[in-house]
Amino acid sequence: MFLLQAPQEEADALADLIRRMRREVHTCSRCFHFTDGELCSICSDPARANGILCVVESTGDLLAIENSGAFKGRYHVLQGVLSPLEAVGPEDLRIRELLNRIPAEGIREVILATNPSNEGEATAHYLLRLLKDRGVQVSRIAYGIPMGGDLKYTDRVTLERAMKGRREF
């Protein structure tokens, strides 16, 4: 409705910006995050080359972690998850590139930060099998009760993982 009611110049300007974005924005050649250069700002930052690589499903997941300020290493965007029902196999994801980055960048730890869905868990387990003999520490993000959450509304699997992942207080 906004575009139908907007002045023609505004609608045209928005259309031009969308076309320009589609022409100029592509994936980073190293991590597959979106960028308008050869490398994204994260991959080109030498301070982030600390030997820790966080593997995520999508750029949206990368941005969520980045916005939290909780991680200061580099990322690898798989651009999806394994999903046999949707005919998405390992060859459809950026797994080969992930494996190549480990020796090339001196990666010491890989953090698997796939979503806690069936597909995300399957992808994390698949990656664990591939990574376990490559001389890197493999860790998985923790799951638990969100801050401000209410236990009585939390699902069984989340409660189970929260109890198993508890730590000394």
C-alpha atoms as a PDB file:
ATOM      1  CA  MET A   1       0.000   0.000   0.000  1.00  0.00           C
ATOM      2  CA  PHE A   2       2.850   2.370   0.800  1.00  0.00           C
ATOM      3  CA  LEU A   3       4.416   1.930  -2.638  1.00  0.00           C
ATOM      4  CA  LEU A   4       1.090   2.340  -4.402  1.00  0.00           C
ATOM      5  CA  GLN A   5       0.510   5.615  -2.590  1.00  0.00           C
ATOM      6  CA  ALA A   6       4.117   6.886  -2.715  1.00  0.00           C
ATOM      7  CA  PRO A   7       5.219   9.447  -5.275  1.00  0.00           C
ATOM      8  CA  GLN A   8       6.534   7.825  -8.454  1.00  0.00           C
ATOM      9  CA  GLU A   9      10.080   9.109  -7.774  1.00  0.00           C
ATOM     10  CA  GLU A  10      10.209   7.334  -4.387  1.00  0.00           C
ATOM     11  CA  ALA A  11       8.986   4.047  -5.842  1.00  0.00           C
ATOM     12  CA  ASP A  12      11.506   4.318  -8.685  1.00  0.00           C
ATOM     13  CA  ALA A  13      14.336   5.147  -6.268  1.00  0.00           C
ATOM     14  CA  LEU A  14      13.499   2.078  -4.157  1.00  0.00           C
ATOM     15  CA  ALA A  15      13.368  -0.118  -7.263  1.00  0.00           C
ATOM     16  CA  ASP A  16      16.770   1.225  -8.356  1.00  0.00           C
ATOM     17  CA  LEU A  17      18.260   0.499  -4.919  1.00  0.00           C
ATOM     18  CA  ILE A  18      16.954  -3.053  -5.010  1.00  0.00           C
ATOM     19  CA  ARG A  19      18.439  -3.612  -8.501  1.00  0.00           C
ATOM     20  CA  ARG A  20      21.769  -2.145  -7.362  1.00  0.00           C
ATOM     21  CA  MET A  21      21.818  -4.357  -4.264  1.00  0.00           C
ATOM     22  CA  ARG A  22      21.154  -7.449  -6.365  1.00  0.00           C
ATOM     23  CA  ARG A  23      23.999  -6.467  -8.737  1.00  0.00           C
ATOM     24  CA  GLU A  24      26.603  -5.518  -6.137  1.00  0.00           C
ATOM     25  CA  VAL A  25      26.030  -7.758  -3.098  1.00  0.00           C
ATOM     26  CA  HIS A  26      27.286 -11.348  -3.238  1.00  0.00           C
ATOM     27  CA  THR A  27      28.803 -13.882  -0.858  1.00  0.00           C
ATOM     28  CA  CYS A  28      32.243 -13.494   0.664  1.00  0.00           C
ATOM     29  CA  SER A  29      34.722 -15.783  -1.091  1.00  0.00           C
ATOM     30  CA  ARG A  30      35.976 -17.076   2.264  1.00  0.00           C
ATOM     31  CA  CYS A  31      33.032 -17.396   4.677  1.00  0.00           C
ATOM     32  CA  PHE A  32      29.947 -17.001   2.405  1.00  0.00           C
ATOM     33  CA  HIS A  33      28.476 -14.098   4.388  1.00  0.00           C
ATOM     34  CA  PHE A  34      27.055 -11.271   2.255  1.00  0.00           C
ATOM     35  CA  THR A  35      29.402  -8.503   1.141  1.00  0.00           C
ATOM     36  CA  ASP A  36      29.965  -6.027  -1.653  1.00  0.00           C
ATOM     37  CA  GLY A  37      33.708  -6.733  -1.768  1.00  0.00           C
ATOM     38  CA  GLU A  38      35.895  -9.795  -2.264  1.00  0.00           C
ATOM     39  CA  LEU A  39      35.960 -10.480   1.490  1.00  0.00           C
ATOM     40  CA  CYS A  40      33.431  -9.387   4.095  1.00  0.00           C
ATOM     41  CA  SER A  41      34.449  -7.001   6.886  1.00  0.00           C
ATOM     42  CA  ILE A  42      34.778  -9.888   9.356  1.00  0.00           C
ATOM     43  CA  CYS A  43      37.121 -11.959   7.171  1.00  0.00           C
ATOM     44  CA  SER A  44      39.220  -8.917   6.291  1.00  0.00           C
ATOM     45  CA  ASP A  45      39.705  -7.931   9.965  1.00  0.00           C
ATOM     46  CA  PRO A  46      43.113  -9.333  11.053  1.00  0.00           C
ATOM     47  CA  ALA A  47      42.117  -9.096  14.731  1.00  0.00           C
ATOM     48  CA  ARG A  48      39.482 -11.776  14.117  1.00  0.00           C
ATOM     49  CA  ALA A  49      42.000 -14.333  12.825  1.00  0.00           C
ATOM     50  CA  ASN A  50      42.266 -15.976  16.245  1.00  0.00           C
ATOM     51  CA  GLY A  51      41.985 -19.604  15.150  1.00  0.00           C
ATOM     52  CA  ILE A  52      38.344 -19.982  16.153  1.00  0.00           C
ATOM     53  CA  LEU A  53      35.677 -20.542  13.532  1.00  0.00           C
ATOM     54  CA  CYS A  54      31.936 -20.434  14.230  1.00  0.00           C
ATOM     55  CA  VAL A  55      29.851 -22.460  11.767  1.00  0.00           C
ATOM     56  CA  VAL A  56      26.311 -21.190  11.178  1.00  0.00           C
ATOM     57  CA  GLU A  57      23.459 -22.107   8.858  1.00  0.00           C
ATOM     58  CA  SER A  58      22.751 -18.660   7.426  1.00  0.00           C
ATOM     59  CA  THR A  59      23.816 -15.038   7.373  1.00  0.00           C
ATOM     60  CA  GLY A  60      20.855 -14.308   9.662  1.00  0.00           C
ATOM     61  CA  ASP A  61      22.384 -16.614  12.279  1.00  0.00           C
ATOM     62  CA  LEU A  62      25.776 -14.938  11.833  1.00  0.00           C
ATOM     63  CA  LEU A  63      24.208 -11.513  12.366  1.00  0.00           C
ATOM     64  CA  ALA A  64      22.391 -12.686  15.508  1.00  0.00           C
ATOM     65  CA  ILE A  65      25.645 -13.926  17.063  1.00  0.00           C
ATOM     66  CA  GLU A  66      27.540 -10.875  15.859  1.00  0.00           C
ATOM     67  CA  ASN A  67      24.947  -8.493  17.314  1.00  0.00           C
ATOM     68  CA  SER A  68      25.241 -10.240  20.692  1.00  0.00           C
ATOM     69  CA  GLY A  69      28.923  -9.314  20.886  1.00  0.00           C
ATOM     70  CA  ALA A  70      29.621 -12.772  22.330  1.00  0.00           C
ATOM     71  CA  PHE A  71      32.021 -13.960  19.605  1.00  0.00           C
ATOM     72  CA  LYS A  72      35.121 -12.271  18.182  1.00  0.00           C
ATOM     73  CA  GLY A  73      36.442 -14.902  15.779  1.00  0.00           C
ATOM     74  CA  ARG A  74      35.542 -15.699  12.198  1.00  0.00           C
ATOM     75  CA  TYR A  75      32.493 -17.435  10.765  1.00  0.00           C
ATOM     76  CA  HIS A  76      31.613 -19.972   8.121  1.00  0.00           C
ATOM     77  CA  VAL A  77      28.110 -19.839   6.629  1.00  0.00           C
ATOM     78  CA  LEU A  78      26.927 -23.248   5.401  1.00  0.00           C
ATOM     79  CA  GLN A  79      24.055 -21.674   3.463  1.00  0.00           C
ATOM     80  CA  GLY A  80      21.599 -24.263   4.720  1.00  0.00           C
ATOM     81  CA  VAL A  81      21.356 -27.560   6.582  1.00  0.00           C
ATOM     82  CA  LEU A  82      21.163 -31.197   5.645  1.00  0.00           C
ATOM     83  CA  SER A  83      17.565 -32.035   4.796  1.00  0.00           C
ATOM     84  CA  PRO A  84      16.884 -35.348   3.067  1.00  0.00           C
ATOM     85  CA  LEU A  85      13.177 -34.513   2.733  1.00  0.00           C
ATOM     86  CA  GLU A  86      14.072 -31.405   0.729  1.00  0.00           C
ATOM     87  CA  ALA A  87      16.884 -33.194  -1.175  1.00  0.00           C
ATOM     88  CA  VAL A  88      19.624 -31.093   0.479  1.00  0.00           C
ATOM     89  CA  GLY A  89      22.768 -33.164   0.888  1.00  0.00           C
ATOM     90  CA  PRO A  90      26.355 -32.363   1.921  1.00  0.00           C
ATOM     91  CA  GLU A  91      27.283 -31.374  -1.625  1.00  0.00           C
ATOM     92  CA  ASP A  92      24.636 -28.613  -1.515  1.00  0.00           C
ATOM     93  CA  LEU A  93      26.262 -26.906   1.485  1.00  0.00           C
ATOM     94  CA  ARG A  94      29.616 -25.137   1.911  1.00  0.00           C
ATOM     95  CA  ILE A  95      31.148 -28.116   3.743  1.00  0.00           C
ATOM     96  CA  ARG A  96      34.087 -28.723   1.383  1.00  0.00           C
ATOM     97  CA  GLU A  97      35.089 -25.081   1.761  1.00  0.00           C
ATOM     98  CA  LEU A  98      34.853 -25.392   5.564  1.00  0.00           C
ATOM     99  CA  LEU A  99      37.220 -28.367   5.560  1.00  0.00           C
ATOM    100  CA  ASN A 100      39.671 -26.484   3.321  1.00  0.00           C
ATOM    101  CA  ARG A 101      39.720 -23.479   5.652  1.00  0.00           C
ATOM    102  CA  ILE A 102      40.931 -25.454   8.678  1.00  0.00           C
ATOM    103  CA  PRO A 103      44.542 -26.021   7.577  1.00  0.00           C
ATOM    104  CA  ALA A 104      44.691 -22.891   5.398  1.00  0.00           C
ATOM    105  CA  GLU A 105      43.789 -20.560   8.296  1.00  0.00           C
ATOM    106  CA  GLY A 106      45.304 -22.502  11.195  1.00  0.00           C
ATOM    107  CA  ILE A 107      41.909 -23.132  12.778  1.00  0.00           C
ATOM    108  CA  ARG A 108      42.216 -24.642  16.281  1.00  0.00           C
ATOM    109  CA  GLU A 109      38.544 -24.710  17.280  1.00  0.00           C
ATOM    110  CA  VAL A 110      35.312 -25.056  15.336  1.00  0.00           C
ATOM    111  CA  ILE A 111      32.120 -24.017  17.111  1.00  0.00           C
ATOM    112  CA  LEU A 112      29.031 -25.670  15.632  1.00  0.00           C
ATOM    113  CA  ALA A 113      26.223 -23.138  15.943  1.00  0.00           C
ATOM    114  CA  THR A 114      23.486 -24.758  13.893  1.00  0.00           C
ATOM    115  CA  ASN A 115      19.926 -24.344  15.082  1.00  0.00           C
ATOM    116  CA  PRO A 116      18.399 -26.863  17.542  1.00  0.00           C
ATOM    117  CA  SER A 117      16.127 -28.391  14.884  1.00  0.00           C
ATOM    118  CA  ASN A 118      16.262 -31.962  13.576  1.00  0.00           C
ATOM    119  CA  GLU A 119      18.082 -30.726  10.469  1.00  0.00           C
ATOM    120  CA  GLY A 120      20.454 -28.516  12.484  1.00  0.00           C
ATOM    121  CA  GLU A 121      21.303 -31.390  14.822  1.00  0.00           C
ATOM    122  CA  ALA A 122      21.858 -33.780  11.893  1.00  0.00           C
ATOM    123  CA  THR A 123      24.129 -31.236  10.240  1.00  0.00           C
ATOM    124  CA  ALA A 124      26.109 -30.703  13.462  1.00  0.00           C
ATOM    125  CA  HIS A 125      26.593 -34.464  13.923  1.00  0.00           C
ATOM    126  CA  TYR A 126      27.639 -34.879  10.291  1.00  0.00           C
ATOM    127  CA  LEU A 127      30.196 -32.078  10.672  1.00  0.00           C
ATOM    128  CA  LEU A 128      31.463 -33.547  13.950  1.00  0.00           C
ATOM    129  CA  ARG A 129      32.204 -36.833  12.161  1.00  0.00           C
ATOM    130  CA  LEU A 130      34.127 -34.978   9.446  1.00  0.00           C
ATOM    131  CA  LEU A 131      36.056 -32.758  11.853  1.00  0.00           C
ATOM    132  CA  LYS A 132      36.989 -35.143  14.664  1.00  0.00           C
ATOM    133  CA  ASP A 133      40.160 -36.436  12.925  1.00  0.00           C
ATOM    134  CA  ARG A 134      41.372 -33.069  11.626  1.00  0.00           C
ATOM    135  CA  GLY A 135      43.255 -31.918  14.718  1.00  0.00           C
ATOM    136  CA  VAL A 136      40.753 -29.289  15.800  1.00  0.00           C
ATOM    137  CA  GLN A 137      38.680 -28.944  18.928  1.00  0.00           C
ATOM    138  CA  VAL A 138      34.987 -29.149  18.065  1.00  0.00           C
ATOM    139  CA  SER A 139      32.431 -27.554  20.367  1.00  0.00           C
ATOM    140  CA  ARG A 140      28.684 -27.024  20.199  1.00  0.00           C
ATOM    141  CA  ILE A 141      26.784 -23.958  21.360  1.00  0.00           C
ATOM    142  CA  ALA A 142      24.873 -24.515  24.584  1.00  0.00           C
ATOM    143  CA  TYR A 143      21.111 -24.779  24.803  1.00  0.00           C
ATOM    144  CA  GLY A 144      18.959 -23.867  27.709  1.00  0.00           C
ATOM    145  CA  ILE A 145      16.264 -21.693  29.159  1.00  0.00           C
ATOM    146  CA  PRO A 146      16.180 -18.158  27.703  1.00  0.00           C
ATOM    147  CA  MET A 147      16.645 -15.226  30.060  1.00  0.00           C
ATOM    148  CA  GLY A 148      13.209 -14.157  31.248  1.00  0.00           C
ATOM    149  CA  GLY A 149      11.746 -17.522  30.259  1.00  0.00           C
ATOM    150  CA  ASP A 150       9.309 -19.518  32.328  1.00  0.00           C
ATOM    151  CA  LEU A 151      10.120 -23.160  33.070  1.00  0.00           C
ATOM    152  CA  LYS A 152       6.503 -24.272  32.860  1.00  0.00           C
ATOM    153  CA  TYR A 153       6.365 -23.140  29.203  1.00  0.00           C
ATOM    154  CA  THR A 154       9.698 -24.684  28.201  1.00  0.00           C
ATOM    155  CA  ASP A 155       9.688 -27.807  26.035  1.00  0.00           C
ATOM    156  CA  ARG A 156      10.994 -31.136  27.311  1.00  0.00           C
ATOM    157  CA  VAL A 157      14.084 -31.270  25.046  1.00  0.00           C
ATOM    158  CA  THR A 158      15.224 -27.785  26.084  1.00  0.00           C
ATOM    159  CA  LEU A 159      14.788 -28.650  29.764  1.00  0.00           C
ATOM    160  CA  GLU A 160      16.676 -31.899  29.285  1.00  0.00           C
ATOM    161  CA  ARG A 161      19.578 -30.122  27.551  1.00  0.00           C
ATOM    162  CA  ALA A 162      19.596 -27.371  30.162  1.00  0.00           C
ATOM    163  CA  MET A 163      19.909 -29.971  32.928  1.00  0.00           C
ATOM    164  CA  LYS A 164      22.650 -31.923  31.111  1.00  0.00           C
ATOM    165  CA  GLY A 165      24.546 -28.720  30.302  1.00  0.00           C
ATOM    166  CA  ARG A 166      24.431 -27.314  33.824  1.00  0.00           C
ATOM    167  CA  ARG A 167      27.620 -25.972  35.356  1.00  0.00           C
ATOM    168  CA  GLU A 168      28.868 -25.189  38.829  1.00  0.00           C
ATOM    169  CA  PHE A 169      27.526 -21.978  40.334  1.00  0.00           C
END
